[in-house]
Amino acid sequence: MLAGGACVILGLIGLVFVENFWWAAITLFLAGAGSALVYTPLLSIAINLYPKKRGTVMGLLMSGAGIGMLLSGLMVPFLLHQLLS
């Protein structure tokens, strides 16, 4: 999970320096692969901790991921505007 987190961080930092399509594709691939390395074991651990509430646990983790994507879509433009102004 630590390696996955590091991949996500490196991928997102790499997006700052995007100059062409291939650099963007590589950094987004790195961020996505890191996200998969974190999300899959986390889901497995959570389901094993609460086997009787499997549906609830999966729903909370999936909704958390969706809310995180929503918030990052709102925060990134704001942060870019603040940093570039």
C-alpha atoms as a PDB file:
ATOM      1  CA  MET A   1       0.000   0.000   0.000  1.00  0.00           C
ATOM      2  CA  LEU A   2       2.917   2.332   0.643  1.00  0.00           C
ATOM      3  CA  ALA A   3       4.292   1.701  -2.837  1.00  0.00           C
ATOM      4  CA  GLY A   4       0.862   2.462  -4.279  1.00  0.00           C
ATOM      5  CA  GLY A   5       0.656   5.698  -2.333  1.00  0.00           C
ATOM      6  CA  ALA A   6       4.103   6.683  -3.554  1.00  0.00           C
ATOM      7  CA  CYS A   7       3.062   5.959  -7.168  1.00  0.00           C
ATOM      8  CA  VAL A   8      -0.008   8.171  -6.782  1.00  0.00           C
ATOM      9  CA  ILE A   9       2.058  11.001  -5.335  1.00  0.00           C
ATOM     10  CA  LEU A  10       4.706  10.739  -8.057  1.00  0.00           C
ATOM     11  CA  GLY A  11       2.040  10.588 -10.758  1.00  0.00           C
ATOM     12  CA  LEU A  12       0.230  13.653  -9.471  1.00  0.00           C
ATOM     13  CA  ILE A  13       3.458  15.598  -9.023  1.00  0.00           C
ATOM     14  CA  GLY A  14       4.468  14.578 -12.552  1.00  0.00           C
ATOM     15  CA  LEU A  15       1.263  16.128 -13.893  1.00  0.00           C
ATOM     16  CA  VAL A  16       2.600  19.527 -12.911  1.00  0.00           C
ATOM     17  CA  PHE A  17       5.355  19.191 -15.508  1.00  0.00           C
ATOM     18  CA  VAL A  18       3.259  17.868 -18.405  1.00  0.00           C
ATOM     19  CA  GLU A  19       4.472  19.197 -21.741  1.00  0.00           C
ATOM     20  CA  ASN A  20       2.977  16.675 -24.167  1.00  0.00           C
ATOM     21  CA  PHE A  21       0.442  13.889 -24.457  1.00  0.00           C
ATOM     22  CA  TRP A  22       2.858  11.059 -23.668  1.00  0.00           C
ATOM     23  CA  TRP A  23       4.066  12.624 -20.445  1.00  0.00           C
ATOM     24  CA  ALA A  24       0.442  13.093 -19.382  1.00  0.00           C
ATOM     25  CA  ALA A  25      -0.368   9.485 -20.287  1.00  0.00           C
ATOM     26  CA  ILE A  26       2.594   8.141 -18.303  1.00  0.00           C
ATOM     27  CA  THR A  27       1.867  10.207 -15.200  1.00  0.00           C
ATOM     28  CA  LEU A  28      -1.846   9.372 -15.261  1.00  0.00           C
ATOM     29  CA  PHE A  29      -1.009   5.690 -15.710  1.00  0.00           C
ATOM     30  CA  LEU A  30       1.308   5.896 -12.712  1.00  0.00           C
ATOM     31  CA  ALA A  31      -1.367   7.591 -10.606  1.00  0.00           C
ATOM     32  CA  GLY A  32      -3.999   5.056 -11.674  1.00  0.00           C
ATOM     33  CA  ALA A  33      -1.748   2.058 -11.026  1.00  0.00           C
ATOM     34  CA  GLY A  34      -0.862   3.426  -7.608  1.00  0.00           C
ATOM     35  CA  SER A  35      -4.514   3.979  -6.846  1.00  0.00           C
ATOM     36  CA  ALA A  36      -5.265   0.360  -7.721  1.00  0.00           C
ATOM     37  CA  LEU A  37      -2.398  -0.783  -5.494  1.00  0.00           C
ATOM     38  CA  VAL A  38      -3.962   1.087  -2.573  1.00  0.00           C
ATOM     39  CA  TYR A  39      -7.679   0.518  -3.182  1.00  0.00           C
ATOM     40  CA  THR A  40      -7.682  -3.251  -3.797  1.00  0.00           C
ATOM     41  CA  PRO A  41      -5.867  -4.319  -0.595  1.00  0.00           C
ATOM     42  CA  LEU A  42      -7.841  -1.769   1.408  1.00  0.00           C
ATOM     43  CA  LEU A  43     -11.104  -3.253   0.156  1.00  0.00           C
ATOM     44  CA  SER A  44      -9.919  -6.771   0.958  1.00  0.00           C
ATOM     45  CA  ILE A  45      -8.809  -5.815   4.482  1.00  0.00           C
ATOM     46  CA  ALA A  46     -12.049  -3.962   5.214  1.00  0.00           C
ATOM     47  CA  ILE A  47     -14.216  -6.851   4.002  1.00  0.00           C
ATOM     48  CA  ASN A  48     -12.239  -9.341   6.088  1.00  0.00           C
ATOM     49  CA  LEU A  49     -12.620  -7.147   9.181  1.00  0.00           C
ATOM     50  CA  TYR A  50     -16.403  -6.883   8.779  1.00  0.00           C
ATOM     51  CA  PRO A  51     -17.606  -9.987   6.893  1.00  0.00           C
ATOM     52  CA  LYS A  52     -21.242  -9.617   8.009  1.00  0.00           C
ATOM     53  CA  LYS A  53     -21.395  -6.031   6.713  1.00  0.00           C
ATOM     54  CA  ARG A  54     -19.664  -6.658   3.389  1.00  0.00           C
ATOM     55  CA  GLY A  55     -22.121  -4.579   1.345  1.00  0.00           C
ATOM     56  CA  THR A  56     -21.967  -1.622   3.704  1.00  0.00           C
ATOM     57  CA  VAL A  57     -18.166  -1.668   3.788  1.00  0.00           C
ATOM     58  CA  MET A  58     -17.906  -1.857  -0.004  1.00  0.00           C
ATOM     59  CA  GLY A  59     -20.470   0.908  -0.395  1.00  0.00           C
ATOM     60  CA  LEU A  60     -18.637   3.209   2.004  1.00  0.00           C
ATOM     61  CA  LEU A  61     -15.291   2.652   0.294  1.00  0.00           C
ATOM     62  CA  MET A  62     -16.724   3.159  -3.185  1.00  0.00           C
ATOM     63  CA  SER A  63     -18.664   6.262  -2.180  1.00  0.00           C
ATOM     64  CA  GLY A  64     -15.537   7.619  -0.491  1.00  0.00           C
ATOM     65  CA  ALA A  65     -13.608   7.185  -3.733  1.00  0.00           C
ATOM     66  CA  GLY A  66     -16.356   8.959  -5.675  1.00  0.00           C
ATOM     67  CA  ILE A  67     -16.557  11.820  -3.203  1.00  0.00           C
ATOM     68  CA  GLY A  68     -12.766  12.159  -3.337  1.00  0.00           C
ATOM     69  CA  MET A  69     -12.871  12.455  -7.135  1.00  0.00           C
ATOM     70  CA  LEU A  70     -15.661  15.031  -6.889  1.00  0.00           C
ATOM     71  CA  LEU A  71     -13.785  17.109  -4.338  1.00  0.00           C
ATOM     72  CA  SER A  72     -10.521  16.937  -6.259  1.00  0.00           C
ATOM     73  CA  GLY A  73     -12.355  18.144  -9.355  1.00  0.00           C
ATOM     74  CA  LEU A  74     -13.526  21.152  -7.370  1.00  0.00           C
ATOM     75  CA  MET A  75     -10.310  21.803  -5.478  1.00  0.00           C
ATOM     76  CA  VAL A  76      -7.757  21.491  -8.286  1.00  0.00           C
ATOM     77  CA  PRO A  77      -9.036  24.449 -10.347  1.00  0.00           C
ATOM     78  CA  PHE A  78      -9.238  26.557  -7.200  1.00  0.00           C
ATOM     79  CA  LEU A  79      -5.705  25.631  -6.142  1.00  0.00           C
ATOM     80  CA  LEU A  80      -4.351  26.238  -9.631  1.00  0.00           C
ATOM     81  CA  HIS A  81      -5.950  29.670  -9.679  1.00  0.00           C
ATOM     82  CA  GLN A  82      -4.450  30.450  -6.260  1.00  0.00           C
ATOM     83  CA  LEU A  83      -0.982  29.216  -7.199  1.00  0.00           C
ATOM     84  CA  LEU A  84      -0.850  30.833 -10.632  1.00  0.00           C
ATOM     85  CA  SER A  85      -2.231  34.209  -9.571  1.00  0.00           C
END
